[in-house]
Amino acid sequence: MNTHDPSQPHVVPAGDPGSAAARFVAAMNARDPQALGHVYEDDAVLVPVPGHPVTGAGRLAANQHLQGFGLPIEARPRHVYVAGDIALLIVDWSMRGTARDGSEIDMSGTATDVVRRGPDGQWRYVIDNPHGTASLPENS
């Protein structure tokens, strides 16, 4: 049973595959693109819109778009399944509030993510799929 007090910081050791989610949240909320880049493997894939994976500059741009709202993101791993140096994370996440442009943002989902432990012991995203099993948009 998870007894974590949500009003307290959630510190996850680097050896825990769920640490990738905690490091992602910290980097996003700090608006630190360099730290955010270190959460991913070099060739990692992000799926910002179901059915439309991006990597490299596209991945950076998609994350910068989210950071541009100026709102904190929250994420909590629900399940972590490990096979050697690869893990599947099921992560509940949300971003809510009034964005810098005055628009109301209410985004949430359950991600299905794949992380891999690198030679340095850090877990990094190989596939970041924030929309999990969401349907493809029409006309895709």
N, C-alpha and C. Protein backbone atom coordinates (compact mmCIF):
# COMPACT_ATOMS: atom_id res chain seq x y z
N MET A 1 0.84 -1.18 0.00
CA MET A 1 0.00 0.00 0.00
C MET A 1 0.88 1.24 0.00
N ASN A 2 0.52 2.24 -0.79
CA ASN A 2 1.29 3.47 -0.87
C ASN A 2 0.84 4.42 0.23
N THR A 3 1.77 4.77 1.11
CA THR A 3 1.42 5.66 2.21
C THR A 3 2.10 7.01 2.07
N HIS A 4 2.54 7.36 0.86
CA HIS A 4 3.22 8.62 0.63
C HIS A 4 2.28 9.79 0.87
N ASP A 5 2.74 10.76 1.66
CA ASP A 5 1.99 11.98 1.91
C ASP A 5 2.19 12.90 0.70
N PRO A 6 1.11 13.20 -0.09
CA PRO A 6 1.28 13.99 -1.32
C PRO A 6 1.75 15.42 -1.06
N SER A 7 1.69 15.90 0.19
CA SER A 7 2.16 17.26 0.47
C SER A 7 3.67 17.30 0.65
N GLN A 8 4.31 16.13 0.69
CA GLN A 8 5.76 16.04 0.87
C GLN A 8 6.41 15.65 -0.45
N PRO A 9 7.65 16.11 -0.68
CA PRO A 9 8.35 15.70 -1.90
C PRO A 9 8.50 14.19 -1.95
N HIS A 10 8.40 13.64 -3.14
CA HIS A 10 8.53 12.20 -3.34
C HIS A 10 9.91 11.95 -3.93
N VAL A 11 10.82 11.43 -3.13
CA VAL A 11 12.18 11.17 -3.57
C VAL A 11 12.28 9.69 -3.95
N VAL A 12 12.77 9.42 -5.16
CA VAL A 12 12.88 8.07 -5.65
C VAL A 12 14.35 7.80 -5.93
N PRO A 13 14.92 6.72 -5.39
CA PRO A 13 16.32 6.42 -5.66
C PRO A 13 16.54 6.10 -7.14
N ALA A 14 17.75 6.38 -7.61
CA ALA A 14 18.07 6.17 -9.03
C ALA A 14 17.91 4.72 -9.46
N GLY A 15 18.05 3.77 -8.54
CA GLY A 15 17.92 2.36 -8.89
C GLY A 15 16.50 1.91 -9.13
N ASP A 16 15.53 2.75 -8.84
CA ASP A 16 14.12 2.43 -9.01
C ASP A 16 13.69 2.86 -10.41
N PRO A 17 13.11 1.95 -11.23
CA PRO A 17 12.69 2.35 -12.57
C PRO A 17 11.70 3.52 -12.56
N GLY A 18 10.90 3.64 -11.50
CA GLY A 18 9.96 4.76 -11.40
C GLY A 18 10.66 6.10 -11.23
N SER A 19 11.98 6.06 -10.98
CA SER A 19 12.73 7.31 -10.83
C SER A 19 12.70 8.14 -12.10
N ALA A 20 12.55 7.49 -13.25
CA ALA A 20 12.49 8.25 -14.50
C ALA A 20 11.30 9.20 -14.48
N ALA A 21 10.16 8.76 -13.98
CA ALA A 21 8.98 9.62 -13.90
C ALA A 21 9.22 10.78 -12.94
N ALA A 22 9.85 10.51 -11.80
CA ALA A 22 10.13 11.57 -10.82
C ALA A 22 11.12 12.58 -11.39
N ARG A 23 12.14 12.11 -12.13
CA ARG A 23 13.11 13.03 -12.73
C ARG A 23 12.47 13.83 -13.86
N PHE A 24 11.54 13.21 -14.61
CA PHE A 24 10.81 13.93 -15.66
C PHE A 24 10.02 15.09 -15.05
N VAL A 25 9.27 14.80 -13.99
CA VAL A 25 8.47 15.83 -13.32
C VAL A 25 9.37 16.96 -12.81
N ALA A 26 10.47 16.62 -12.16
CA ALA A 26 11.37 17.64 -11.62
C ALA A 26 11.92 18.52 -12.73
N ALA A 27 12.34 17.91 -13.85
CA ALA A 27 12.90 18.69 -14.96
C ALA A 27 11.84 19.54 -15.64
N MET A 28 10.64 18.99 -15.85
CA MET A 28 9.55 19.77 -16.46
C MET A 28 9.20 20.96 -15.59
N ASN A 29 9.02 20.71 -14.29
CA ASN A 29 8.59 21.78 -13.40
C ASN A 29 9.67 22.83 -13.17
N ALA A 30 10.94 22.45 -13.33
CA ALA A 30 12.04 23.41 -13.23
C ALA A 30 12.25 24.14 -14.55
N ARG A 31 11.54 23.69 -15.60
CA ARG A 31 11.69 24.23 -16.95
C ARG A 31 13.15 24.18 -17.40
N ASP A 32 13.76 23.02 -17.15
CA ASP A 32 15.17 22.81 -17.43
C ASP A 32 15.31 21.85 -18.61
N PRO A 33 15.48 22.37 -19.84
CA PRO A 33 15.54 21.49 -21.02
C PRO A 33 16.73 20.53 -20.98
N GLN A 34 17.85 20.94 -20.39
CA GLN A 34 19.01 20.06 -20.32
C GLN A 34 18.71 18.87 -19.41
N ALA A 35 18.14 19.14 -18.23
CA ALA A 35 17.79 18.05 -17.32
C ALA A 35 16.73 17.15 -17.95
N LEU A 36 15.79 17.76 -18.67
CA LEU A 36 14.74 16.99 -19.33
C LEU A 36 15.34 16.07 -20.39
N GLY A 37 16.34 16.57 -21.11
CA GLY A 37 17.00 15.76 -22.12
C GLY A 37 17.68 14.54 -21.54
N HIS A 38 18.18 14.65 -20.31
CA HIS A 38 18.87 13.53 -19.65
C HIS A 38 17.92 12.46 -19.15
N VAL A 39 16.61 12.74 -19.17
CA VAL A 39 15.62 11.76 -18.75
C VAL A 39 15.35 10.75 -19.87
N TYR A 40 15.76 11.10 -21.08
CA TYR A 40 15.52 10.27 -22.27
C TYR A 40 16.82 9.68 -22.80
N GLU A 41 16.71 8.49 -23.42
CA GLU A 41 17.82 7.98 -24.22
C GLU A 41 17.90 8.85 -25.47
N ASP A 42 19.05 8.86 -26.13
CA ASP A 42 19.25 9.73 -27.30
C ASP A 42 18.20 9.52 -28.38
N ASP A 43 17.83 8.27 -28.67
CA ASP A 43 16.89 7.97 -29.75
C ASP A 43 15.47 7.72 -29.24
N ALA A 44 15.18 8.17 -28.02
CA ALA A 44 13.87 7.91 -27.42
C ALA A 44 12.74 8.51 -28.23
N VAL A 45 11.58 7.88 -28.11
CA VAL A 45 10.37 8.30 -28.81
C VAL A 45 9.39 8.88 -27.80
N LEU A 46 8.77 9.99 -28.16
CA LEU A 46 7.68 10.59 -27.41
C LEU A 46 6.46 10.58 -28.31
N VAL A 47 5.30 10.27 -27.74
CA VAL A 47 4.06 10.25 -28.50
C VAL A 47 3.17 11.37 -27.95
N PRO A 48 3.38 12.62 -28.40
CA PRO A 48 2.60 13.74 -27.86
C PRO A 48 1.14 13.71 -28.27
N VAL A 49 0.87 13.11 -29.42
CA VAL A 49 -0.49 12.93 -29.94
C VAL A 49 -0.59 11.45 -30.33
N PRO A 50 -1.63 10.74 -29.88
CA PRO A 50 -1.73 9.32 -30.22
C PRO A 50 -1.53 9.07 -31.73
N GLY A 51 -0.65 8.12 -32.04
CA GLY A 51 -0.40 7.78 -33.44
C GLY A 51 0.64 8.63 -34.13
N HIS A 52 1.24 9.59 -33.41
CA HIS A 52 2.21 10.51 -34.03
C HIS A 52 3.48 10.60 -33.19
N PRO A 53 4.32 9.57 -33.22
CA PRO A 53 5.56 9.59 -32.43
C PRO A 53 6.57 10.59 -32.98
N VAL A 54 7.35 11.17 -32.08
CA VAL A 54 8.42 12.10 -32.46
C VAL A 54 9.67 11.72 -31.70
N THR A 55 10.81 12.15 -32.22
CA THR A 55 12.08 11.94 -31.56
C THR A 55 12.95 13.16 -31.81
N GLY A 56 14.10 13.24 -31.19
CA GLY A 56 15.04 14.33 -31.43
C GLY A 56 14.42 15.70 -31.19
N ALA A 57 14.54 16.57 -32.20
CA ALA A 57 14.05 17.94 -32.09
C ALA A 57 12.53 17.99 -31.89
N GLY A 58 11.82 17.04 -32.48
CA GLY A 58 10.36 16.98 -32.30
C GLY A 58 9.98 16.68 -30.87
N ARG A 59 10.74 15.79 -30.23
CA ARG A 59 10.50 15.46 -28.83
C ARG A 59 10.77 16.69 -27.96
N LEU A 60 11.86 17.37 -28.22
CA LEU A 60 12.20 18.58 -27.47
C LEU A 60 11.11 19.64 -27.64
N ALA A 61 10.65 19.86 -28.86
CA ALA A 61 9.61 20.85 -29.12
C ALA A 61 8.30 20.51 -28.41
N ALA A 62 7.92 19.24 -28.41
CA ALA A 62 6.68 18.82 -27.75
C ALA A 62 6.75 19.08 -26.25
N ASN A 63 7.89 18.76 -25.64
CA ASN A 63 8.04 19.01 -24.21
C ASN A 63 8.11 20.51 -23.91
N GLN A 64 8.75 21.28 -24.77
CA GLN A 64 8.80 22.73 -24.58
C GLN A 64 7.40 23.34 -24.69
N HIS A 65 6.56 22.78 -25.55
CA HIS A 65 5.18 23.24 -25.67
C HIS A 65 4.46 23.09 -24.33
N LEU A 66 4.61 21.93 -23.70
CA LEU A 66 3.99 21.71 -22.39
C LEU A 66 4.56 22.66 -21.34
N GLN A 67 5.87 22.85 -21.35
CA GLN A 67 6.49 23.76 -20.40
C GLN A 67 5.99 25.19 -20.60
N GLY A 68 5.65 25.53 -21.83
CA GLY A 68 5.19 26.88 -22.15
C GLY A 68 3.90 27.27 -21.45
N PHE A 69 3.12 26.29 -20.99
CA PHE A 69 1.90 26.62 -20.25
C PHE A 69 2.23 27.27 -18.91
N GLY A 70 3.44 26.98 -18.39
CA GLY A 70 3.84 27.53 -17.11
C GLY A 70 3.15 26.88 -15.92
N LEU A 71 2.69 25.66 -16.11
CA LEU A 71 1.98 24.94 -15.05
C LEU A 71 2.78 23.74 -14.60
N PRO A 72 2.67 23.38 -13.33
CA PRO A 72 3.37 22.17 -12.88
C PRO A 72 2.67 20.93 -13.39
N ILE A 73 3.46 19.91 -13.62
CA ILE A 73 2.92 18.61 -13.98
C ILE A 73 3.10 17.69 -12.78
N GLU A 74 2.15 16.81 -12.58
CA GLU A 74 2.25 15.80 -11.53
C GLU A 74 2.20 14.44 -12.19
N ALA A 75 2.96 13.49 -11.65
CA ALA A 75 2.94 12.13 -12.19
C ALA A 75 3.26 11.16 -11.06
N ARG A 76 2.50 10.07 -11.04
CA ARG A 76 2.72 9.03 -10.03
C ARG A 76 2.66 7.66 -10.71
N PRO A 77 3.77 6.92 -10.63
CA PRO A 77 3.73 5.56 -11.18
C PRO A 77 2.69 4.71 -10.45
N ARG A 78 1.81 4.07 -11.21
CA ARG A 78 0.80 3.18 -10.65
C ARG A 78 1.32 1.75 -10.61
N HIS A 79 1.99 1.34 -11.71
CA HIS A 79 2.57 0.01 -11.81
C HIS A 79 3.96 0.13 -12.43
N VAL A 80 4.88 -0.70 -11.98
CA VAL A 80 6.21 -0.79 -12.55
C VAL A 80 6.51 -2.27 -12.74
N TYR A 81 6.76 -2.68 -13.99
CA TYR A 81 7.07 -4.07 -14.30
C TYR A 81 8.48 -4.11 -14.88
N VAL A 82 9.36 -4.90 -14.25
CA VAL A 82 10.77 -4.91 -14.61
C VAL A 82 11.17 -6.27 -15.18
N ALA A 83 11.92 -6.23 -16.27
CA ALA A 83 12.55 -7.42 -16.86
C ALA A 83 14.00 -7.04 -17.14
N GLY A 84 14.89 -7.39 -16.22
CA GLY A 84 16.30 -7.03 -16.38
C GLY A 84 16.49 -5.53 -16.35
N ASP A 85 17.03 -4.98 -17.44
CA ASP A 85 17.31 -3.54 -17.52
C ASP A 85 16.22 -2.77 -18.26
N ILE A 86 15.06 -3.39 -18.46
CA ILE A 86 13.94 -2.72 -19.13
C ILE A 86 12.73 -2.78 -18.20
N ALA A 87 11.95 -1.69 -18.20
CA ALA A 87 10.76 -1.67 -17.35
C ALA A 87 9.61 -0.98 -18.09
N LEU A 88 8.42 -1.45 -17.80
CA LEU A 88 7.19 -0.82 -18.28
C LEU A 88 6.60 -0.05 -17.11
N LEU A 89 6.34 1.23 -17.33
CA LEU A 89 5.74 2.08 -16.30
C LEU A 89 4.32 2.44 -16.73
N ILE A 90 3.39 2.30 -15.82
CA ILE A 90 2.03 2.80 -16.00
C ILE A 90 1.93 3.99 -15.04
N VAL A 91 1.78 5.19 -15.60
CA VAL A 91 1.93 6.41 -14.80
C VAL A 91 0.70 7.30 -14.97
N ASP A 92 0.06 7.66 -13.85
CA ASP A 92 -1.03 8.63 -13.86
C ASP A 92 -0.42 10.02 -13.77
N TRP A 93 -0.85 10.92 -14.66
CA TRP A 93 -0.29 12.26 -14.68
C TRP A 93 -1.39 13.30 -14.88
N SER A 94 -1.08 14.53 -14.49
CA SER A 94 -2.03 15.63 -14.71
C SER A 94 -1.30 16.96 -14.77
N MET A 95 -1.92 17.90 -15.48
CA MET A 95 -1.47 19.28 -15.55
C MET A 95 -2.74 20.13 -15.59
N ARG A 96 -2.92 20.93 -14.54
CA ARG A 96 -4.17 21.71 -14.44
C ARG A 96 -3.88 23.11 -13.93
N GLY A 97 -4.66 24.07 -14.42
CA GLY A 97 -4.55 25.44 -13.92
C GLY A 97 -4.74 26.43 -15.04
N THR A 98 -4.40 27.67 -14.75
CA THR A 98 -4.50 28.75 -15.73
C THR A 98 -3.12 28.96 -16.34
N ALA A 99 -3.05 28.78 -17.65
CA ALA A 99 -1.78 28.91 -18.36
C ALA A 99 -1.38 30.38 -18.45
N ARG A 100 -0.14 30.61 -18.87
CA ARG A 100 0.39 31.97 -18.99
C ARG A 100 -0.46 32.85 -19.89
N ASP A 101 -1.09 32.24 -20.91
CA ASP A 101 -1.90 33.03 -21.83
C ASP A 101 -3.33 33.24 -21.33
N GLY A 102 -3.63 32.77 -20.12
CA GLY A 102 -4.95 32.94 -19.53
C GLY A 102 -5.92 31.81 -19.80
N SER A 103 -5.54 30.86 -20.64
CA SER A 103 -6.44 29.75 -20.94
C SER A 103 -6.42 28.74 -19.79
N GLU A 104 -7.55 28.06 -19.62
CA GLU A 104 -7.64 27.03 -18.60
C GLU A 104 -7.15 25.71 -19.19
N ILE A 105 -6.27 25.06 -18.47
CA ILE A 105 -5.69 23.78 -18.89
C ILE A 105 -6.16 22.71 -17.92
N ASP A 106 -6.69 21.62 -18.46
CA ASP A 106 -7.09 20.47 -17.65
C ASP A 106 -6.73 19.23 -18.45
N MET A 107 -5.49 18.80 -18.29
CA MET A 107 -4.98 17.66 -19.04
C MET A 107 -4.60 16.57 -18.04
N SER A 108 -4.91 15.33 -18.39
CA SER A 108 -4.50 14.21 -17.55
C SER A 108 -4.55 12.95 -18.39
N GLY A 109 -3.93 11.92 -17.88
CA GLY A 109 -3.94 10.66 -18.59
C GLY A 109 -3.22 9.59 -17.80
N THR A 110 -3.15 8.44 -18.41
CA THR A 110 -2.38 7.33 -17.85
C THR A 110 -1.39 6.91 -18.93
N ALA A 111 -0.13 7.17 -18.67
CA ALA A 111 0.93 6.87 -19.63
C ALA A 111 1.31 5.40 -19.58
N THR A 112 1.73 4.90 -20.73
CA THR A 112 2.41 3.61 -20.80
C THR A 112 3.79 3.91 -21.35
N ASP A 113 4.79 3.76 -20.50
CA ASP A 113 6.15 4.16 -20.82
C ASP A 113 7.11 2.99 -20.69
N VAL A 114 8.15 3.01 -21.51
CA VAL A 114 9.21 2.02 -21.43
C VAL A 114 10.49 2.76 -21.06
N VAL A 115 11.17 2.26 -20.01
CA VAL A 115 12.45 2.83 -19.59
C VAL A 115 13.50 1.74 -19.60
N ARG A 116 14.76 2.18 -19.73
CA ARG A 116 15.88 1.23 -19.72
C ARG A 116 16.95 1.77 -18.77
N ARG A 117 17.54 0.85 -18.00
CA ARG A 117 18.63 1.22 -17.10
C ARG A 117 19.92 1.29 -17.91
N GLY A 118 20.57 2.45 -17.84
CA GLY A 118 21.83 2.64 -18.56
C GLY A 118 23.01 2.14 -17.75
N PRO A 119 24.20 2.17 -18.36
CA PRO A 119 25.41 1.71 -17.68
C PRO A 119 25.70 2.49 -16.39
N ASP A 120 25.18 3.73 -16.30
CA ASP A 120 25.38 4.54 -15.10
C ASP A 120 24.35 4.25 -14.01
N GLY A 121 23.43 3.30 -14.27
CA GLY A 121 22.41 2.94 -13.28
C GLY A 121 21.14 3.77 -13.36
N GLN A 122 21.15 4.83 -14.18
CA GLN A 122 19.96 5.69 -14.33
C GLN A 122 18.97 5.06 -15.30
N TRP A 123 17.69 5.18 -14.95
CA TRP A 123 16.62 4.72 -15.84
C TRP A 123 16.22 5.89 -16.72
N ARG A 124 16.15 5.65 -18.03
CA ARG A 124 15.79 6.70 -18.99
C ARG A 124 14.68 6.20 -19.90
N TYR A 125 13.87 7.15 -20.36
CA TYR A 125 12.77 6.82 -21.26
C TYR A 125 13.31 6.35 -22.61
N VAL A 126 12.75 5.24 -23.09
CA VAL A 126 12.96 4.77 -24.45
C VAL A 126 11.71 5.12 -25.25
N ILE A 127 10.54 4.91 -24.63
CA ILE A 127 9.25 5.29 -25.21
C ILE A 127 8.45 6.02 -24.13
N ASP A 128 8.06 7.25 -24.42
CA ASP A 128 7.24 8.07 -23.52
C ASP A 128 5.89 8.26 -24.21
N ASN A 129 4.90 7.51 -23.76
CA ASN A 129 3.57 7.53 -24.38
C ASN A 129 2.55 8.05 -23.35
N PRO A 130 2.45 9.38 -23.20
CA PRO A 130 1.60 9.94 -22.14
C PRO A 130 0.12 9.63 -22.28
N HIS A 131 -0.32 9.26 -23.47
CA HIS A 131 -1.75 9.00 -23.66
C HIS A 131 -2.10 7.52 -23.58
N GLY A 132 -1.12 6.69 -23.28
CA GLY A 132 -1.36 5.27 -23.06
C GLY A 132 -2.14 4.62 -24.18
N THR A 133 -3.33 4.15 -23.87
CA THR A 133 -4.14 3.42 -24.85
C THR A 133 -5.20 4.30 -25.50
N ALA A 134 -5.01 5.62 -25.44
CA ALA A 134 -5.98 6.54 -26.07
C ALA A 134 -6.13 6.22 -27.55
N SER A 135 -7.32 6.44 -28.06
CA SER A 135 -7.60 6.19 -29.48
C SER A 135 -6.86 7.19 -30.34
N LEU A 136 -6.59 6.78 -31.57
CA LEU A 136 -6.01 7.70 -32.54
C LEU A 136 -7.01 8.78 -32.87
N PRO A 137 -6.50 10.00 -33.12
CA PRO A 137 -7.42 11.05 -33.55
C PRO A 137 -8.03 10.69 -34.90
N GLU A 138 -9.22 11.18 -35.14
CA GLU A 138 -9.85 10.92 -36.45
C GLU A 138 -9.01 11.56 -37.54
N ASN A 139 -9.06 10.94 -38.72
CA ASN A 139 -8.29 11.39 -39.89
C ASN A 139 -6.79 11.26 -39.71
N SER A 140 -6.34 10.32 -38.87
CA SER A 140 -4.87 10.19 -38.73
C SER A 140 -4.34 9.08 -39.59
